[in-house]
């Protein structure tokens, strides 16, 4: 069996993240994890933090992926597979959405993405083969999205500094037949290895990971 983290932030991209790649790699190795999905925040705060204009010219996805690249490099000698993810927030509200299995062109225009909102973005993401899961839908300032826009719900958010009302998220997912995920929502040392999924196989890349999640071939940690 393989243990995989589904919700993690790096210090070099997410303003709220406090752990650098080397520390994350060693901590997850010690906890017996085999894979990590990096879900740095893809929102206006992040782009301000990185000094990037969401509407500016040039490559804006590359700098956003720096945390993923650093963690992949740190994890390679430890035998931990690292996958590309994101945690999106649109301008319309403070909901957060975990995105798995996306290609760079989907997020290439941050200004357009932020302005779309979940109703417009969801069908585009689905057509591109990405998996969209609402993170902690019952946390303060969050509201469950209309179920038809989602493939899943994070029913077990293990961040110790927030009450994510996981029981309510579980009921919402089951009511609408949505896939269910668990994640550590890792930002700090105390958050490491608190959640995730357990699988029979270890996906070879980020798109294969999205396929595994969509197929629900896992159990929750």
N, C-alpha and C. Protein backbone atom coordinates (compact mmCIF):
# COMPACT_ATOMS: atom_id res chain seq x y z
N UNK A 1 0.83 -1.20 0.00
CA UNK A 1 0.00 0.00 0.00
C UNK A 1 0.87 1.25 0.00
N UNK A 2 0.37 2.31 -0.63
CA UNK A 2 1.11 3.56 -0.75
C UNK A 2 0.33 4.69 -0.07
N UNK A 3 1.05 5.52 0.66
CA UNK A 3 0.45 6.67 1.33
C UNK A 3 0.77 7.94 0.53
N UNK A 4 -0.28 8.72 0.25
CA UNK A 4 -0.11 9.91 -0.59
C UNK A 4 -0.77 11.12 0.07
N UNK A 5 -0.02 12.19 0.18
CA UNK A 5 -0.56 13.46 0.66
C UNK A 5 -1.27 14.18 -0.49
N UNK A 6 -2.47 14.71 -0.23
CA UNK A 6 -3.26 15.34 -1.29
C UNK A 6 -3.36 16.86 -1.17
N UNK A 7 -2.85 17.44 -0.07
CA UNK A 7 -3.09 18.87 0.18
C UNK A 7 -1.91 19.42 0.96
N UNK A 8 -1.02 20.16 0.26
CA UNK A 8 0.22 20.62 0.88
C UNK A 8 0.69 21.92 0.22
N UNK A 9 1.25 22.81 1.04
CA UNK A 9 1.73 24.11 0.58
C UNK A 9 3.21 24.28 0.89
N UNK A 10 3.92 24.93 -0.04
CA UNK A 10 5.35 25.17 0.14
C UNK A 10 5.61 26.63 0.50
N UNK A 11 6.69 26.88 1.23
CA UNK A 11 7.01 28.23 1.68
C UNK A 11 7.40 29.14 0.54
N UNK A 12 7.96 28.60 -0.53
CA UNK A 12 8.46 29.48 -1.58
C UNK A 12 7.38 29.99 -2.52
N UNK A 13 6.17 29.41 -2.45
CA UNK A 13 5.08 29.87 -3.32
C UNK A 13 3.87 30.35 -2.52
N UNK A 14 3.43 29.58 -1.55
CA UNK A 14 2.27 29.96 -0.75
C UNK A 14 2.70 30.85 0.41
N UNK A 15 2.14 32.05 0.49
CA UNK A 15 2.51 33.00 1.53
C UNK A 15 2.32 32.43 2.93
N UNK A 16 1.32 31.57 3.09
CA UNK A 16 1.01 30.98 4.40
C UNK A 16 1.87 29.76 4.71
N UNK A 17 2.59 29.23 3.74
CA UNK A 17 3.44 28.06 3.96
C UNK A 17 4.70 28.43 4.73
N UNK A 18 5.13 27.55 5.62
CA UNK A 18 6.31 27.82 6.44
C UNK A 18 7.44 26.81 6.24
N UNK A 19 7.22 25.77 5.44
CA UNK A 19 8.21 24.70 5.32
C UNK A 19 8.84 24.69 3.92
N UNK A 20 10.16 24.64 3.90
CA UNK A 20 10.90 24.54 2.64
C UNK A 20 10.91 23.09 2.16
N UNK A 21 11.32 22.91 0.93
CA UNK A 21 11.26 21.60 0.29
C UNK A 21 12.03 20.53 1.05
N UNK A 22 13.24 20.82 1.50
CA UNK A 22 14.06 19.81 2.18
C UNK A 22 13.39 19.32 3.45
N UNK A 23 12.82 20.26 4.23
CA UNK A 23 12.15 19.89 5.48
C UNK A 23 10.91 19.04 5.20
N UNK A 24 10.15 19.41 4.19
CA UNK A 24 8.96 18.63 3.83
C UNK A 24 9.33 17.22 3.39
N UNK A 25 10.35 17.12 2.55
CA UNK A 25 10.77 15.82 2.05
C UNK A 25 11.18 14.89 3.18
N UNK A 26 12.01 15.38 4.08
CA UNK A 26 12.48 14.55 5.20
C UNK A 26 11.33 14.16 6.12
N UNK A 27 10.41 15.09 6.38
CA UNK A 27 9.30 14.82 7.29
C UNK A 27 8.35 13.77 6.71
N UNK A 28 8.06 13.87 5.43
CA UNK A 28 7.15 12.90 4.83
C UNK A 28 7.82 11.53 4.63
N UNK A 29 9.12 11.53 4.42
CA UNK A 29 9.84 10.26 4.36
C UNK A 29 9.77 9.57 5.72
N UNK A 30 9.99 10.33 6.78
CA UNK A 30 9.95 9.76 8.13
C UNK A 30 8.56 9.24 8.47
N UNK A 31 7.53 9.86 7.90
CA UNK A 31 6.15 9.45 8.17
C UNK A 31 5.69 8.31 7.27
N UNK A 32 6.55 7.85 6.38
CA UNK A 32 6.23 6.70 5.55
C UNK A 32 5.37 6.98 4.34
N UNK A 33 5.38 8.21 3.87
CA UNK A 33 4.59 8.56 2.68
C UNK A 33 5.38 8.25 1.41
N UNK A 34 4.65 7.87 0.38
CA UNK A 34 5.25 7.52 -0.91
C UNK A 34 5.01 8.57 -1.98
N UNK A 35 4.05 9.46 -1.74
CA UNK A 35 3.72 10.47 -2.73
C UNK A 35 3.18 11.73 -2.08
N UNK A 36 3.37 12.86 -2.76
CA UNK A 36 2.89 14.16 -2.28
C UNK A 36 2.35 14.93 -3.47
N UNK A 37 1.12 15.45 -3.33
CA UNK A 37 0.58 16.37 -4.33
C UNK A 37 0.77 17.79 -3.78
N UNK A 38 1.51 18.60 -4.51
CA UNK A 38 1.74 19.99 -4.09
C UNK A 38 0.57 20.84 -4.57
N UNK A 39 -0.16 21.43 -3.64
CA UNK A 39 -1.34 22.23 -3.96
C UNK A 39 -1.14 23.66 -3.47
N UNK A 40 -0.09 24.30 -3.95
CA UNK A 40 0.13 25.69 -3.57
C UNK A 40 -1.07 26.54 -3.98
N UNK A 41 -1.28 27.62 -3.23
CA UNK A 41 -2.41 28.51 -3.50
C UNK A 41 -2.24 29.21 -4.85
N UNK A 42 -3.26 29.11 -5.67
CA UNK A 42 -3.33 29.82 -6.94
C UNK A 42 -4.41 30.87 -6.77
N UNK A 43 -4.01 32.05 -6.28
CA UNK A 43 -4.95 33.14 -6.02
C UNK A 43 -4.21 34.46 -6.10
N UNK A 44 -4.92 35.53 -5.93
CA UNK A 44 -4.29 36.85 -6.08
C UNK A 44 -3.24 37.10 -5.00
N UNK A 45 -3.46 36.60 -3.80
CA UNK A 45 -2.47 36.78 -2.73
C UNK A 45 -1.14 36.14 -3.12
N UNK A 46 -1.19 34.97 -3.70
CA UNK A 46 0.03 34.28 -4.13
C UNK A 46 0.76 35.07 -5.20
N UNK A 47 0.03 35.58 -6.16
CA UNK A 47 0.69 36.32 -7.23
C UNK A 47 1.29 37.63 -6.72
N UNK A 48 0.64 38.25 -5.75
CA UNK A 48 1.24 39.42 -5.10
C UNK A 48 2.51 39.02 -4.37
N UNK A 49 2.46 37.91 -3.66
CA UNK A 49 3.61 37.40 -2.90
C UNK A 49 4.80 37.10 -3.82
N UNK A 50 4.49 36.58 -5.00
CA UNK A 50 5.55 36.25 -5.96
C UNK A 50 5.97 37.44 -6.81
N UNK A 51 5.28 38.56 -6.67
CA UNK A 51 5.60 39.73 -7.47
C UNK A 51 5.23 39.59 -8.92
N UNK A 52 4.15 38.85 -9.18
CA UNK A 52 3.71 38.60 -10.55
C UNK A 52 2.39 39.32 -10.82
N UNK A 53 2.28 39.91 -12.00
CA UNK A 53 1.04 40.52 -12.43
C UNK A 53 0.19 39.46 -13.11
N UNK A 54 -0.98 39.11 -12.53
CA UNK A 54 -1.82 38.07 -13.14
C UNK A 54 -2.21 38.37 -14.59
N UNK A 55 -2.24 39.65 -14.93
CA UNK A 55 -2.62 40.04 -16.29
C UNK A 55 -1.41 40.40 -17.15
N UNK A 56 -0.21 40.19 -16.62
CA UNK A 56 1.00 40.60 -17.31
C UNK A 56 1.42 39.63 -18.40
N UNK A 57 2.46 39.98 -19.11
CA UNK A 57 2.96 39.13 -20.20
C UNK A 57 3.85 38.01 -19.67
N UNK A 58 4.16 37.09 -20.55
CA UNK A 58 5.12 36.05 -20.20
C UNK A 58 4.51 34.89 -19.43
N UNK A 59 5.39 34.00 -19.01
CA UNK A 59 5.01 32.78 -18.30
C UNK A 59 4.72 33.08 -16.84
N UNK A 60 3.48 32.85 -16.43
CA UNK A 60 3.12 33.05 -15.03
C UNK A 60 2.85 31.74 -14.30
N UNK A 61 2.79 30.65 -15.06
CA UNK A 61 2.62 29.33 -14.43
C UNK A 61 3.96 28.81 -13.93
N UNK A 62 5.03 29.07 -14.67
CA UNK A 62 6.35 28.59 -14.27
C UNK A 62 6.73 29.01 -12.86
N UNK A 63 6.66 30.30 -12.52
CA UNK A 63 6.99 30.72 -11.15
C UNK A 63 6.06 30.10 -10.11
N UNK A 64 4.79 29.93 -10.46
CA UNK A 64 3.85 29.29 -9.54
C UNK A 64 4.26 27.85 -9.22
N UNK A 65 4.90 27.18 -10.15
CA UNK A 65 5.29 25.78 -9.97
C UNK A 65 6.66 25.60 -9.29
N UNK A 66 7.26 26.67 -8.84
CA UNK A 66 8.59 26.56 -8.25
C UNK A 66 8.59 25.67 -7.00
N UNK A 67 7.57 25.75 -6.18
CA UNK A 67 7.49 24.89 -4.99
C UNK A 67 7.40 23.42 -5.36
N UNK A 68 6.59 23.13 -6.37
CA UNK A 68 6.49 21.76 -6.89
C UNK A 68 7.83 21.27 -7.38
N UNK A 69 8.55 22.09 -8.14
CA UNK A 69 9.85 21.68 -8.68
C UNK A 69 10.86 21.43 -7.56
N UNK A 70 10.89 22.32 -6.59
CA UNK A 70 11.86 22.15 -5.49
C UNK A 70 11.56 20.91 -4.67
N UNK A 71 10.28 20.66 -4.42
CA UNK A 71 9.95 19.48 -3.63
C UNK A 71 10.21 18.20 -4.41
N UNK A 72 9.95 18.22 -5.69
CA UNK A 72 10.23 17.04 -6.52
C UNK A 72 11.73 16.72 -6.49
N UNK A 73 12.55 17.76 -6.57
CA UNK A 73 14.00 17.56 -6.53
C UNK A 73 14.45 17.02 -5.17
N UNK A 74 13.86 17.55 -4.09
CA UNK A 74 14.24 17.11 -2.75
C UNK A 74 13.76 15.69 -2.46
N UNK A 75 12.64 15.31 -3.05
CA UNK A 75 12.06 13.99 -2.77
C UNK A 75 12.64 12.87 -3.64
N UNK A 76 13.20 13.21 -4.77
CA UNK A 76 13.69 12.20 -5.71
C UNK A 76 14.66 11.21 -5.08
N UNK A 77 15.69 11.67 -4.34
CA UNK A 77 16.61 10.69 -3.74
C UNK A 77 16.01 9.90 -2.60
N UNK A 78 14.86 10.33 -2.10
CA UNK A 78 14.19 9.64 -1.00
C UNK A 78 13.13 8.66 -1.49
N UNK A 79 12.93 8.62 -2.80
CA UNK A 79 11.97 7.68 -3.37
C UNK A 79 10.52 8.10 -3.23
N UNK A 80 10.27 9.40 -3.03
CA UNK A 80 8.91 9.92 -2.91
C UNK A 80 8.51 10.56 -4.23
N UNK A 81 7.37 10.16 -4.76
CA UNK A 81 6.85 10.73 -6.01
C UNK A 81 6.12 12.03 -5.70
N UNK A 82 6.36 13.07 -6.49
CA UNK A 82 5.72 14.37 -6.28
C UNK A 82 4.86 14.72 -7.49
N UNK A 83 3.64 15.18 -7.22
CA UNK A 83 2.67 15.46 -8.27
C UNK A 83 2.27 16.93 -8.25
N UNK A 84 1.86 17.42 -9.41
CA UNK A 84 1.45 18.81 -9.56
C UNK A 84 -0.03 18.97 -9.24
N UNK A 85 -0.34 19.91 -8.36
CA UNK A 85 -1.71 20.26 -8.04
C UNK A 85 -1.82 21.76 -7.86
N UNK A 86 -2.94 22.24 -7.38
CA UNK A 86 -3.14 23.66 -7.09
C UNK A 86 -4.36 23.79 -6.20
N UNK A 87 -4.42 24.88 -5.45
CA UNK A 87 -5.61 25.22 -4.68
C UNK A 87 -6.09 26.58 -5.18
N UNK A 88 -7.16 26.56 -5.95
CA UNK A 88 -7.67 27.75 -6.63
C UNK A 88 -8.64 28.52 -5.76
N UNK A 89 -8.58 29.83 -5.90
CA UNK A 89 -9.63 30.70 -5.35
C UNK A 89 -9.99 31.72 -6.42
N UNK A 90 -11.29 31.83 -6.70
CA UNK A 90 -11.79 32.79 -7.68
C UNK A 90 -12.17 34.09 -6.98
N UNK A 91 -12.37 35.13 -7.77
CA UNK A 91 -12.69 36.44 -7.20
C UNK A 91 -14.07 36.47 -6.54
N UNK A 92 -14.95 35.56 -6.93
CA UNK A 92 -16.34 35.65 -6.52
C UNK A 92 -16.58 35.40 -5.03
N UNK A 93 -15.70 34.65 -4.36
CA UNK A 93 -15.88 34.35 -2.94
C UNK A 93 -14.59 33.76 -2.38
N UNK A 94 -14.63 33.32 -1.13
CA UNK A 94 -13.43 32.80 -0.48
C UNK A 94 -13.36 31.27 -0.47
N UNK A 95 -14.15 30.63 -1.31
CA UNK A 95 -14.04 29.17 -1.45
C UNK A 95 -12.70 28.79 -2.08
N UNK A 96 -12.20 27.61 -1.71
CA UNK A 96 -10.96 27.08 -2.28
C UNK A 96 -11.25 25.74 -2.94
N UNK A 97 -10.60 25.51 -4.07
CA UNK A 97 -10.82 24.29 -4.83
C UNK A 97 -9.48 23.64 -5.17
N UNK A 98 -9.36 22.37 -4.84
CA UNK A 98 -8.17 21.60 -5.16
C UNK A 98 -8.29 21.10 -6.59
N UNK A 99 -7.23 21.33 -7.37
CA UNK A 99 -7.22 20.95 -8.78
C UNK A 99 -6.12 19.95 -9.01
N UNK A 100 -6.47 18.79 -9.57
CA UNK A 100 -5.52 17.72 -9.84
C UNK A 100 -5.53 17.39 -11.34
N UNK A 101 -4.36 17.01 -11.85
CA UNK A 101 -4.27 16.55 -13.23
C UNK A 101 -4.46 17.66 -14.26
N UNK A 102 -3.88 18.81 -14.01
CA UNK A 102 -4.04 19.92 -14.95
C UNK A 102 -2.76 20.14 -15.76
N UNK A 103 -2.95 20.57 -16.97
CA UNK A 103 -1.84 20.97 -17.84
C UNK A 103 -1.68 22.47 -17.78
N UNK A 104 -0.50 22.95 -18.12
CA UNK A 104 -0.17 24.35 -17.91
C UNK A 104 -1.11 25.31 -18.63
N UNK A 105 -1.60 24.93 -19.79
CA UNK A 105 -2.45 25.85 -20.53
C UNK A 105 -3.75 26.16 -19.80
N UNK A 106 -4.20 25.28 -18.92
CA UNK A 106 -5.45 25.51 -18.19
C UNK A 106 -5.34 26.72 -17.27
N UNK A 107 -4.16 26.93 -16.70
CA UNK A 107 -3.95 28.02 -15.74
C UNK A 107 -3.02 29.10 -16.29
N UNK A 108 -2.81 29.11 -17.59
CA UNK A 108 -1.81 30.00 -18.19
C UNK A 108 -2.17 31.48 -18.09
N UNK A 109 -3.46 31.79 -17.97
CA UNK A 109 -3.91 33.18 -17.87
C UNK A 109 -4.57 33.38 -16.51
N UNK A 110 -3.80 33.70 -15.47
CA UNK A 110 -4.36 33.83 -14.12
C UNK A 110 -5.50 34.84 -14.03
N UNK A 111 -5.36 35.97 -14.68
CA UNK A 111 -6.41 36.99 -14.61
C UNK A 111 -7.74 36.44 -15.10
N UNK A 112 -7.70 35.70 -16.18
CA UNK A 112 -8.93 35.11 -16.73
C UNK A 112 -9.49 34.06 -15.79
N UNK A 113 -8.62 33.25 -15.21
CA UNK A 113 -9.08 32.20 -14.30
C UNK A 113 -9.74 32.81 -13.07
N UNK A 114 -9.09 33.78 -12.44
CA UNK A 114 -9.65 34.39 -11.24
C UNK A 114 -11.03 34.99 -11.50
N UNK A 115 -11.22 35.52 -12.69
CA UNK A 115 -12.47 36.19 -13.03
C UNK A 115 -13.58 35.23 -13.44
N UNK A 116 -13.25 33.99 -13.76
CA UNK A 116 -14.24 33.06 -14.29
C UNK A 116 -15.27 32.65 -13.26
N UNK A 117 -14.82 32.30 -12.06
CA UNK A 117 -15.73 31.72 -11.09
C UNK A 117 -15.92 30.23 -11.34
N UNK A 118 -16.46 29.55 -10.35
CA UNK A 118 -16.56 28.10 -10.40
C UNK A 118 -17.49 27.63 -11.52
N UNK A 119 -18.60 28.32 -11.76
CA UNK A 119 -19.55 27.87 -12.78
C UNK A 119 -18.95 27.86 -14.17
N UNK A 120 -18.14 28.86 -14.48
CA UNK A 120 -17.51 28.92 -15.80
C UNK A 120 -16.27 28.04 -15.89
N UNK A 121 -15.53 27.94 -14.78
CA UNK A 121 -14.27 27.19 -14.81
C UNK A 121 -14.49 25.69 -14.81
N UNK A 122 -15.48 25.21 -14.08
CA UNK A 122 -15.68 23.77 -13.89
C UNK A 122 -15.78 23.00 -15.21
N UNK A 123 -16.62 23.41 -16.16
CA UNK A 123 -16.69 22.63 -17.41
C UNK A 123 -15.41 22.69 -18.23
N UNK A 124 -14.68 23.80 -18.15
CA UNK A 124 -13.42 23.90 -18.86
C UNK A 124 -12.40 22.93 -18.27
N UNK A 125 -12.34 22.88 -16.94
CA UNK A 125 -11.42 21.96 -16.26
C UNK A 125 -11.77 20.52 -16.57
N UNK A 126 -13.05 20.21 -16.55
CA UNK A 126 -13.48 18.83 -16.80
C UNK A 126 -13.15 18.41 -18.23
N UNK A 127 -13.35 19.31 -19.17
CA UNK A 127 -13.04 19.00 -20.56
C UNK A 127 -11.55 18.78 -20.77
N UNK A 128 -10.73 19.42 -19.92
CA UNK A 128 -9.27 19.27 -20.01
C UNK A 128 -8.76 18.05 -19.24
N UNK A 129 -9.66 17.31 -18.60
CA UNK A 129 -9.26 16.10 -17.89
C UNK A 129 -8.85 16.32 -16.45
N UNK A 130 -9.00 17.54 -15.94
CA UNK A 130 -8.63 17.83 -14.56
C UNK A 130 -9.74 17.43 -13.59
N UNK A 131 -9.36 17.20 -12.35
CA UNK A 131 -10.30 16.85 -11.29
C UNK A 131 -10.41 18.03 -10.33
N UNK A 132 -11.63 18.48 -10.06
CA UNK A 132 -11.88 19.64 -9.21
C UNK A 132 -12.61 19.20 -7.94
N UNK A 133 -11.96 19.46 -6.81
CA UNK A 133 -12.47 19.02 -5.50
C UNK A 133 -12.53 20.23 -4.59
N UNK A 134 -13.66 20.48 -3.96
CA UNK A 134 -13.73 21.63 -3.05
C UNK A 134 -13.03 21.30 -1.74
N UNK A 135 -12.11 22.17 -1.34
CA UNK A 135 -11.43 22.01 -0.06
C UNK A 135 -12.30 22.58 1.06
N UNK A 136 -12.29 21.92 2.20
CA UNK A 136 -12.95 22.38 3.43
C UNK A 136 -14.18 23.26 3.17
N UNK A 137 -15.24 22.71 2.57
CA UNK A 137 -16.37 23.54 2.15
C UNK A 137 -17.17 24.18 3.27
N UNK A 138 -17.03 23.69 4.50
CA UNK A 138 -17.80 24.25 5.62
C UNK A 138 -16.93 25.04 6.59
N UNK A 139 -15.69 25.33 6.22
CA UNK A 139 -14.84 26.18 7.04
C UNK A 139 -15.43 27.60 7.06
N UNK A 140 -15.09 28.38 8.06
CA UNK A 140 -15.57 29.75 8.14
C UNK A 140 -15.27 30.51 6.85
N UNK A 141 -16.24 31.26 6.36
CA UNK A 141 -16.19 32.08 5.15
C UNK A 141 -16.32 31.26 3.87
N UNK A 142 -16.45 29.94 3.98
CA UNK A 142 -16.63 29.08 2.80
C UNK A 142 -18.08 28.61 2.72
N UNK A 143 -18.51 28.28 1.52
CA UNK A 143 -19.86 27.77 1.26
C UNK A 143 -19.76 26.61 0.28
N UNK A 144 -20.45 25.51 0.52
CA UNK A 144 -20.38 24.40 -0.46
C UNK A 144 -20.83 24.87 -1.84
N UNK A 145 -20.04 24.57 -2.84
CA UNK A 145 -20.41 24.90 -4.22
C UNK A 145 -21.56 24.00 -4.67
N UNK A 146 -22.29 24.45 -5.67
CA UNK A 146 -23.33 23.61 -6.25
C UNK A 146 -22.67 22.32 -6.75
N UNK A 147 -23.23 21.20 -6.37
CA UNK A 147 -22.57 19.91 -6.54
C UNK A 147 -22.22 19.59 -7.99
N UNK A 148 -23.00 20.07 -8.94
CA UNK A 148 -22.74 19.73 -10.34
C UNK A 148 -21.44 20.32 -10.86
N UNK A 149 -20.88 21.30 -10.15
CA UNK A 149 -19.61 21.89 -10.56
C UNK A 149 -18.40 21.12 -10.02
N UNK A 150 -18.64 20.18 -9.13
CA UNK A 150 -17.56 19.48 -8.44
C UNK A 150 -17.49 18.02 -8.83
N UNK A 151 -16.28 17.47 -8.74
CA UNK A 151 -16.15 16.01 -8.79
C UNK A 151 -16.02 15.44 -7.39
N UNK A 152 -15.60 16.27 -6.45
CA UNK A 152 -15.42 15.76 -5.10
C UNK A 152 -15.37 16.84 -4.05
N UNK A 153 -15.27 16.38 -2.81
CA UNK A 153 -15.22 17.23 -1.63
C UNK A 153 -14.15 16.71 -0.69
N UNK A 154 -13.39 17.61 -0.12
CA UNK A 154 -12.44 17.23 0.93
C UNK A 154 -13.24 17.03 2.22
N UNK A 155 -13.47 15.78 2.56
CA UNK A 155 -14.32 15.47 3.72
C UNK A 155 -13.52 15.36 5.01
N UNK A 156 -12.20 15.30 4.88
CA UNK A 156 -11.33 15.22 6.06
C UNK A 156 -10.15 16.17 5.86
N UNK A 157 -10.34 17.41 6.29
CA UNK A 157 -9.25 18.39 6.29
C UNK A 157 -8.65 18.37 7.68
N UNK A 158 -7.36 18.04 7.75
CA UNK A 158 -6.74 17.75 9.05
C UNK A 158 -5.94 18.91 9.63
N UNK A 159 -6.06 20.11 9.05
CA UNK A 159 -5.35 21.26 9.59
C UNK A 159 -5.83 21.54 11.01
N UNK A 160 -4.92 21.60 11.99
CA UNK A 160 -5.34 21.73 13.39
C UNK A 160 -5.77 23.13 13.81
N UNK A 161 -5.56 24.13 12.96
CA UNK A 161 -5.87 25.50 13.35
C UNK A 161 -7.24 25.97 12.84
N UNK A 162 -7.96 25.09 12.16
CA UNK A 162 -9.27 25.45 11.64
C UNK A 162 -10.28 24.37 12.00
N UNK A 163 -11.50 24.79 12.23
CA UNK A 163 -12.60 23.83 12.33
C UNK A 163 -13.25 23.76 10.96
N UNK A 164 -12.96 22.70 10.24
CA UNK A 164 -13.48 22.55 8.88
C UNK A 164 -14.81 21.82 8.83
N UNK A 165 -15.36 21.46 9.99
CA UNK A 165 -16.66 20.79 10.05
C UNK A 165 -16.69 19.61 9.08
N UNK A 166 -15.75 18.71 9.27
CA UNK A 166 -15.59 17.59 8.35
C UNK A 166 -16.83 16.70 8.26
N UNK A 167 -17.55 16.57 9.35
CA UNK A 167 -18.76 15.75 9.32
C UNK A 167 -19.79 16.30 8.35
N UNK A 168 -19.91 17.60 8.30
CA UNK A 168 -20.85 18.23 7.36
C UNK A 168 -20.38 18.02 5.93
N UNK A 169 -19.08 18.12 5.71
CA UNK A 169 -18.54 17.88 4.37
C UNK A 169 -18.78 16.44 3.93
N UNK A 170 -18.63 15.52 4.86
CA UNK A 170 -18.88 14.10 4.57
C UNK A 170 -20.33 13.89 4.14
N UNK A 171 -21.24 14.48 4.85
CA UNK A 171 -22.66 14.33 4.52
C UNK A 171 -22.98 14.94 3.15
N UNK A 172 -22.37 16.08 2.86
CA UNK A 172 -22.60 16.73 1.56
C UNK A 172 -22.10 15.84 0.41
N UNK A 173 -20.90 15.29 0.59
CA UNK A 173 -20.35 14.42 -0.45
C UNK A 173 -21.23 13.21 -0.69
N UNK A 174 -21.68 12.60 0.37
CA UNK A 174 -22.51 11.40 0.24
C UNK A 174 -23.88 11.73 -0.34
N UNK A 175 -24.44 12.87 0.02
CA UNK A 175 -25.75 13.27 -0.49
C UNK A 175 -25.75 13.38 -2.01
N UNK A 176 -24.64 13.88 -2.58
CA UNK A 176 -24.59 14.12 -4.01
C UNK A 176 -23.68 13.14 -4.76
N UNK A 177 -23.22 12.11 -4.09
CA UNK A 177 -22.42 11.08 -4.74
C UNK A 177 -21.06 11.56 -5.21
N UNK A 178 -20.49 12.55 -4.53
CA UNK A 178 -19.20 13.10 -4.91
C UNK A 178 -18.07 12.27 -4.31
N UNK A 179 -16.92 12.25 -4.98
CA UNK A 179 -15.78 11.54 -4.41
C UNK A 179 -15.32 12.27 -3.14
N UNK A 180 -14.69 11.54 -2.25
CA UNK A 180 -14.30 12.04 -0.94
C UNK A 180 -12.80 11.98 -0.80
N UNK A 181 -12.20 13.06 -0.30
CA UNK A 181 -10.76 13.10 -0.11
C UNK A 181 -10.41 13.52 1.32
N UNK A 182 -9.23 13.08 1.72
CA UNK A 182 -8.62 13.49 2.99
C UNK A 182 -7.28 14.14 2.67
N UNK A 183 -6.94 15.21 3.41
CA UNK A 183 -5.65 15.86 3.21
C UNK A 183 -5.18 16.56 4.47
N UNK A 184 -3.87 16.67 4.61
CA UNK A 184 -3.30 17.31 5.81
C UNK A 184 -3.47 18.82 5.78
N UNK A 185 -3.61 19.43 4.60
CA UNK A 185 -3.60 20.89 4.47
C UNK A 185 -2.35 21.41 5.16
N UNK A 186 -1.22 20.88 4.75
CA UNK A 186 0.05 21.10 5.44
C UNK A 186 0.65 22.46 5.12
N UNK A 187 0.89 23.24 6.19
CA UNK A 187 1.57 24.53 6.11
C UNK A 187 2.78 24.58 7.04
N UNK A 188 2.69 23.88 8.18
CA UNK A 188 3.69 23.97 9.23
C UNK A 188 4.08 22.56 9.69
N UNK A 189 5.07 22.51 10.56
CA UNK A 189 5.57 21.22 11.04
C UNK A 189 4.47 20.37 11.67
N UNK A 190 3.60 20.99 12.46
CA UNK A 190 2.57 20.21 13.16
C UNK A 190 1.50 19.67 12.21
N UNK A 191 1.50 20.13 10.97
CA UNK A 191 0.50 19.68 10.00
C UNK A 191 0.95 18.46 9.20
N UNK A 192 2.22 18.14 9.25
CA UNK A 192 2.78 17.09 8.38
C UNK A 192 2.11 15.75 8.62
N UNK A 193 1.75 15.08 7.53
CA UNK A 193 1.31 13.68 7.57
C UNK A 193 0.11 13.45 8.47
N UNK A 194 -0.85 14.36 8.45
CA UNK A 194 -2.07 14.19 9.24
C UNK A 194 -3.21 13.57 8.45
N UNK A 195 -3.09 13.55 7.12
CA UNK A 195 -4.15 13.00 6.29
C UNK A 195 -3.60 12.53 4.96
N UNK A 196 -4.53 12.25 4.03
CA UNK A 196 -4.13 11.79 2.71
C UNK A 196 -4.94 10.59 2.28
N UNK A 197 -4.41 9.86 1.30
CA UNK A 197 -5.08 8.66 0.80
C UNK A 197 -4.10 7.50 0.77
N UNK A 198 -4.67 6.31 0.73
CA UNK A 198 -3.89 5.07 0.66
C UNK A 198 -4.31 4.34 -0.62
N UNK A 199 -3.32 3.93 -1.43
CA UNK A 199 -3.61 3.33 -2.72
C UNK A 199 -2.86 2.01 -2.91
N UNK A 200 -3.35 1.22 -3.85
CA UNK A 200 -2.70 -0.04 -4.19
C UNK A 200 -1.56 0.17 -5.19
N UNK A 201 -1.62 1.27 -5.94
CA UNK A 201 -0.59 1.57 -6.93
C UNK A 201 -0.11 3.00 -6.71
N UNK A 202 1.09 3.30 -7.21
CA UNK A 202 1.64 4.64 -7.12
C UNK A 202 1.65 5.23 -8.52
N UNK A 203 0.80 6.22 -8.79
CA UNK A 203 0.73 6.79 -10.14
C UNK A 203 2.07 7.32 -10.62
N UNK A 204 2.29 7.23 -11.93
CA UNK A 204 3.58 7.61 -12.51
C UNK A 204 3.74 9.10 -12.70
N UNK A 205 2.62 9.83 -12.83
CA UNK A 205 2.71 11.26 -13.06
C UNK A 205 1.42 11.94 -12.60
N UNK A 206 1.35 13.25 -12.77
CA UNK A 206 0.22 14.02 -12.25
C UNK A 206 -1.09 13.66 -12.94
N UNK A 207 -1.07 13.39 -14.22
CA UNK A 207 -2.30 13.02 -14.92
C UNK A 207 -2.80 11.65 -14.48
N UNK A 208 -1.87 10.72 -14.26
CA UNK A 208 -2.25 9.39 -13.76
C UNK A 208 -2.82 9.49 -12.35
N UNK A 209 -2.29 10.42 -11.56
CA UNK A 209 -2.83 10.63 -10.21
C UNK A 209 -4.28 11.12 -10.29
N UNK A 210 -4.55 12.06 -11.19
CA UNK A 210 -5.91 12.54 -11.36
C UNK A 210 -6.84 11.42 -11.78
N UNK A 211 -6.37 10.56 -12.66
CA UNK A 211 -7.18 9.42 -13.11
C UNK A 211 -7.50 8.49 -11.94
N UNK A 212 -6.52 8.25 -11.08
CA UNK A 212 -6.74 7.39 -9.91
C UNK A 212 -7.78 8.01 -8.99
N UNK A 213 -7.68 9.32 -8.76
CA UNK A 213 -8.64 9.99 -7.88
C UNK A 213 -10.04 9.93 -8.49
N UNK A 214 -10.14 10.22 -9.77
CA UNK A 214 -11.46 10.21 -10.43
C UNK A 214 -12.07 8.80 -10.35
N UNK A 215 -11.26 7.77 -10.46
CA UNK A 215 -11.73 6.39 -10.41
C UNK A 215 -11.99 5.90 -8.99
N UNK A 216 -11.63 6.74 -7.98
CA UNK A 216 -11.86 6.42 -6.56
C UNK A 216 -11.14 5.16 -6.14
N UNK A 217 -9.94 4.97 -6.66
CA UNK A 217 -9.17 3.78 -6.33
C UNK A 217 -8.25 4.07 -5.12
N UNK A 218 -8.85 4.36 -3.99
CA UNK A 218 -8.08 4.69 -2.79
C UNK A 218 -8.97 4.59 -1.57
N UNK A 219 -8.35 4.58 -0.42
CA UNK A 219 -9.04 4.72 0.85
C UNK A 219 -8.49 5.95 1.54
N UNK A 220 -9.26 6.48 2.50
CA UNK A 220 -8.86 7.71 3.18
C UNK A 220 -7.97 7.42 4.38
N UNK A 221 -6.95 8.27 4.56
CA UNK A 221 -6.13 8.21 5.75
C UNK A 221 -6.69 9.20 6.77
